[in-house]
N, C-alpha and C. Protein backbone atom coordinates (compact mmCIF):
# COMPACT_ATOMS: atom_id res chain seq x y z
N MET A 1 16.80 -31.85 -11.76
CA MET A 1 16.24 -30.61 -12.23
C MET A 1 14.74 -30.79 -12.46
N ILE A 2 13.99 -29.78 -12.07
CA ILE A 2 12.54 -29.83 -12.21
C ILE A 2 12.11 -28.68 -13.12
N TYR A 3 11.43 -29.01 -14.21
CA TYR A 3 10.93 -28.01 -15.15
C TYR A 3 9.74 -27.30 -14.52
N LEU A 4 9.75 -25.96 -14.53
CA LEU A 4 8.65 -25.19 -13.96
C LEU A 4 7.74 -24.59 -15.03
N THR A 5 8.29 -23.85 -15.97
CA THR A 5 7.51 -23.17 -16.99
C THR A 5 8.46 -22.70 -18.09
N THR A 6 7.97 -21.88 -18.99
CA THR A 6 8.83 -21.25 -20.00
C THR A 6 8.80 -19.74 -19.78
N ASP A 7 9.87 -19.07 -20.20
CA ASP A 7 9.94 -17.63 -20.03
C ASP A 7 9.44 -16.91 -21.29
N ALA A 8 9.57 -15.60 -21.32
CA ALA A 8 9.08 -14.79 -22.44
C ALA A 8 9.78 -15.12 -23.76
N LEU A 9 10.99 -15.69 -23.68
CA LEU A 9 11.73 -16.06 -24.88
C LEU A 9 11.58 -17.54 -25.21
N ASP A 10 10.61 -18.19 -24.59
CA ASP A 10 10.30 -19.60 -24.79
C ASP A 10 11.43 -20.54 -24.36
N GLN A 11 12.22 -20.10 -23.37
CA GLN A 11 13.25 -20.95 -22.79
C GLN A 11 12.68 -21.61 -21.53
N ALA A 12 13.12 -22.80 -21.26
CA ALA A 12 12.65 -23.52 -20.08
C ALA A 12 13.18 -22.87 -18.81
N VAL A 13 12.30 -22.72 -17.82
CA VAL A 13 12.69 -22.24 -16.49
C VAL A 13 12.65 -23.45 -15.58
N TYR A 14 13.74 -23.67 -14.84
CA TYR A 14 13.89 -24.89 -14.05
C TYR A 14 14.28 -24.57 -12.61
N PHE A 15 14.07 -25.56 -11.75
CA PHE A 15 14.52 -25.51 -10.37
C PHE A 15 15.47 -26.67 -10.19
N ASP A 16 16.71 -26.37 -9.84
CA ASP A 16 17.73 -27.39 -9.61
C ASP A 16 17.89 -27.55 -8.10
N LEU A 17 17.31 -28.60 -7.54
CA LEU A 17 17.35 -28.86 -6.10
C LEU A 17 18.75 -29.29 -5.72
N ARG A 18 19.38 -28.57 -4.79
CA ARG A 18 20.73 -28.89 -4.35
C ARG A 18 20.73 -29.60 -3.00
N LYS A 19 19.78 -29.22 -2.14
CA LYS A 19 19.76 -29.79 -0.79
C LYS A 19 18.35 -29.71 -0.22
N LYS A 20 17.94 -30.76 0.46
CA LYS A 20 16.64 -30.80 1.14
C LYS A 20 16.92 -31.19 2.58
N GLU A 21 16.45 -30.38 3.51
CA GLU A 21 16.71 -30.69 4.91
C GLU A 21 15.49 -30.43 5.77
N PRO A 22 15.12 -31.40 6.59
CA PRO A 22 14.02 -31.19 7.55
C PRO A 22 14.58 -30.54 8.81
N CYS A 23 13.83 -29.62 9.39
CA CYS A 23 14.22 -28.96 10.63
C CYS A 23 13.07 -29.11 11.62
N ARG A 24 13.36 -29.73 12.74
CA ARG A 24 12.31 -29.95 13.74
C ARG A 24 11.91 -28.63 14.40
N LYS A 25 10.60 -28.45 14.53
CA LYS A 25 10.03 -27.31 15.23
C LYS A 25 8.95 -27.84 16.16
N THR A 26 8.57 -27.04 17.13
CA THR A 26 7.48 -27.43 18.00
C THR A 26 6.22 -27.61 17.17
N GLY A 27 5.61 -28.77 17.26
CA GLY A 27 4.37 -29.02 16.52
C GLY A 27 4.57 -29.58 15.13
N GLY A 28 5.79 -29.93 14.74
CA GLY A 28 5.98 -30.50 13.42
C GLY A 28 7.40 -30.34 12.91
N THR A 29 7.53 -30.55 11.62
CA THR A 29 8.84 -30.46 10.97
C THR A 29 8.78 -29.44 9.85
N GLU A 30 9.69 -28.48 9.89
CA GLU A 30 9.81 -27.51 8.81
C GLU A 30 10.71 -28.11 7.74
N GLN A 31 10.34 -27.94 6.50
CA GLN A 31 11.15 -28.44 5.39
C GLN A 31 11.86 -27.26 4.73
N ARG A 32 13.14 -27.44 4.43
CA ARG A 32 13.90 -26.41 3.72
C ARG A 32 14.49 -27.00 2.46
N LEU A 33 14.27 -26.31 1.35
CA LEU A 33 14.83 -26.70 0.06
C LEU A 33 15.79 -25.61 -0.39
N TYR A 34 16.96 -26.01 -0.83
CA TYR A 34 17.96 -25.07 -1.34
C TYR A 34 18.27 -25.45 -2.78
N GLY A 35 18.36 -24.46 -3.66
CA GLY A 35 18.69 -24.76 -5.03
C GLY A 35 18.85 -23.52 -5.88
N LEU A 36 18.76 -23.73 -7.18
CA LEU A 36 18.89 -22.64 -8.16
C LEU A 36 17.66 -22.64 -9.05
N VAL A 37 17.20 -21.44 -9.39
CA VAL A 37 16.16 -21.26 -10.40
C VAL A 37 16.82 -20.56 -11.56
N GLY A 38 16.61 -21.06 -12.76
CA GLY A 38 17.26 -20.45 -13.91
C GLY A 38 16.58 -20.79 -15.22
N ASN A 39 17.11 -20.19 -16.28
CA ASN A 39 16.60 -20.46 -17.63
C ASN A 39 17.73 -20.77 -18.60
N GLY A 40 18.91 -21.09 -18.08
CA GLY A 40 20.05 -21.40 -18.92
C GLY A 40 20.93 -20.19 -19.18
N VAL A 41 20.39 -18.99 -19.04
CA VAL A 41 21.15 -17.76 -19.22
C VAL A 41 21.41 -17.10 -17.87
N ALA A 42 20.36 -17.01 -17.06
CA ALA A 42 20.47 -16.40 -15.72
C ALA A 42 20.01 -17.40 -14.67
N GLU A 43 20.72 -17.43 -13.55
CA GLU A 43 20.34 -18.29 -12.44
C GLU A 43 20.34 -17.47 -11.15
N VAL A 44 19.52 -17.89 -10.21
CA VAL A 44 19.45 -17.22 -8.92
C VAL A 44 19.30 -18.29 -7.83
N PRO A 45 20.07 -18.18 -6.74
CA PRO A 45 19.90 -19.13 -5.64
C PRO A 45 18.56 -18.89 -4.94
N VAL A 46 17.96 -19.96 -4.47
CA VAL A 46 16.65 -19.86 -3.84
C VAL A 46 16.59 -20.77 -2.61
N THR A 47 15.87 -20.31 -1.59
CA THR A 47 15.60 -21.10 -0.40
C THR A 47 14.09 -21.13 -0.21
N VAL A 48 13.54 -22.33 -0.07
CA VAL A 48 12.10 -22.50 0.14
C VAL A 48 11.92 -23.15 1.51
N LYS A 49 11.17 -22.48 2.38
CA LYS A 49 10.86 -23.03 3.69
C LYS A 49 9.36 -23.29 3.74
N SER A 50 8.97 -24.47 4.19
CA SER A 50 7.55 -24.76 4.33
C SER A 50 7.29 -25.46 5.65
N TRP A 51 6.18 -25.08 6.26
CA TRP A 51 5.76 -25.66 7.52
C TRP A 51 4.26 -25.52 7.62
N ARG A 52 3.58 -26.64 7.73
CA ARG A 52 2.12 -26.68 7.77
C ARG A 52 1.55 -25.97 6.55
N ASP A 53 0.79 -24.88 6.74
CA ASP A 53 0.19 -24.15 5.61
C ASP A 53 0.98 -22.91 5.21
N TRP A 54 2.20 -22.79 5.71
CA TRP A 54 3.02 -21.61 5.48
C TRP A 54 4.20 -21.95 4.58
N VAL A 55 4.45 -21.10 3.57
CA VAL A 55 5.59 -21.29 2.66
C VAL A 55 6.27 -19.94 2.47
N GLU A 56 7.60 -19.94 2.56
CA GLU A 56 8.40 -18.75 2.30
C GLU A 56 9.40 -19.09 1.21
N VAL A 57 9.42 -18.26 0.16
CA VAL A 57 10.37 -18.43 -0.94
C VAL A 57 11.26 -17.20 -0.95
N ALA A 58 12.57 -17.40 -0.80
CA ALA A 58 13.50 -16.28 -0.73
C ALA A 58 14.58 -16.41 -1.80
N PHE A 59 14.68 -15.39 -2.64
CA PHE A 59 15.79 -15.30 -3.58
C PHE A 59 16.09 -13.83 -3.86
N GLY A 60 17.29 -13.58 -4.33
CA GLY A 60 17.70 -12.22 -4.64
C GLY A 60 17.22 -11.79 -6.02
N GLY A 61 17.57 -10.58 -6.38
CA GLY A 61 17.22 -10.09 -7.70
C GLY A 61 18.06 -10.76 -8.78
N SER A 62 17.51 -10.85 -9.97
CA SER A 62 18.22 -11.50 -11.07
C SER A 62 17.64 -11.03 -12.39
N ALA A 63 18.44 -11.09 -13.43
CA ALA A 63 17.96 -10.78 -14.78
C ALA A 63 16.89 -11.78 -15.23
N LEU A 64 16.84 -12.93 -14.56
CA LEU A 64 15.82 -13.93 -14.88
C LEU A 64 14.42 -13.35 -14.83
N PHE A 65 14.18 -12.45 -13.86
CA PHE A 65 12.84 -11.92 -13.66
C PHE A 65 12.47 -10.83 -14.66
N ASP A 66 13.37 -10.52 -15.59
CA ASP A 66 13.01 -9.69 -16.73
C ASP A 66 12.25 -10.51 -17.77
N PHE A 67 12.37 -11.85 -17.68
CA PHE A 67 11.79 -12.73 -18.69
C PHE A 67 10.67 -13.62 -18.18
N VAL A 68 10.52 -13.70 -16.86
CA VAL A 68 9.48 -14.56 -16.28
C VAL A 68 8.94 -13.86 -15.03
N ASP A 69 7.66 -14.04 -14.75
CA ASP A 69 6.99 -13.39 -13.63
C ASP A 69 7.45 -13.99 -12.29
N GLU A 70 7.98 -13.15 -11.42
CA GLU A 70 8.49 -13.60 -10.13
C GLU A 70 7.38 -14.24 -9.28
N ARG A 71 6.18 -13.68 -9.31
CA ARG A 71 5.07 -14.24 -8.51
C ARG A 71 4.72 -15.65 -8.96
N LEU A 72 4.78 -15.89 -10.26
CA LEU A 72 4.50 -17.22 -10.80
C LEU A 72 5.52 -18.24 -10.29
N ILE A 73 6.79 -17.87 -10.30
CA ILE A 73 7.84 -18.76 -9.82
C ILE A 73 7.67 -19.03 -8.33
N ARG A 74 7.36 -17.99 -7.55
CA ARG A 74 7.12 -18.17 -6.11
C ARG A 74 5.99 -19.16 -5.86
N ARG A 75 4.89 -19.00 -6.60
CA ARG A 75 3.73 -19.89 -6.43
C ARG A 75 4.09 -21.32 -6.80
N MET A 76 4.79 -21.50 -7.90
CA MET A 76 5.16 -22.84 -8.36
C MET A 76 6.11 -23.52 -7.37
N LEU A 77 7.07 -22.78 -6.82
CA LEU A 77 7.99 -23.35 -5.85
C LEU A 77 7.26 -23.70 -4.54
N GLY A 78 6.28 -22.90 -4.16
CA GLY A 78 5.47 -23.22 -2.98
C GLY A 78 4.69 -24.49 -3.17
N GLU A 79 4.09 -24.66 -4.34
CA GLU A 79 3.35 -25.90 -4.63
C GLU A 79 4.30 -27.10 -4.64
N LEU A 80 5.47 -26.91 -5.20
CA LEU A 80 6.47 -27.98 -5.25
C LEU A 80 6.87 -28.40 -3.83
N ALA A 81 7.09 -27.43 -2.95
CA ALA A 81 7.47 -27.75 -1.56
C ALA A 81 6.36 -28.52 -0.86
N ARG A 82 5.12 -28.16 -1.09
CA ARG A 82 3.99 -28.89 -0.48
C ARG A 82 3.92 -30.33 -0.99
N GLU A 83 4.15 -30.50 -2.29
CA GLU A 83 4.11 -31.84 -2.88
C GLU A 83 5.23 -32.74 -2.36
N MET A 84 6.40 -32.15 -2.12
CA MET A 84 7.53 -32.93 -1.64
C MET A 84 7.36 -33.35 -0.19
N GLY A 85 6.58 -32.59 0.57
CA GLY A 85 6.29 -32.93 1.96
C GLY A 85 7.53 -33.03 2.83
N PRO A 86 7.32 -33.12 4.15
CA PRO A 86 8.47 -33.21 5.06
C PRO A 86 9.12 -34.58 5.07
């Protein structure tokens, strides 16, 4: 589990990495991370795809985003994917 930030109720928001898989593409390797983002009360499945300078973060709606900014979580997960590298 990776601590990301705290939400509006001062609860920890975390990313629980379940699976990391490299996918070969022309010109490099795309990295895919699968896991859960949550705060102990609400969780949402997330998929992060990164390749070169491009990052896509995909998750559904959740009550979690009533307590924490969705854009902040997207940015943090993108930075995390870059740090983990292919």
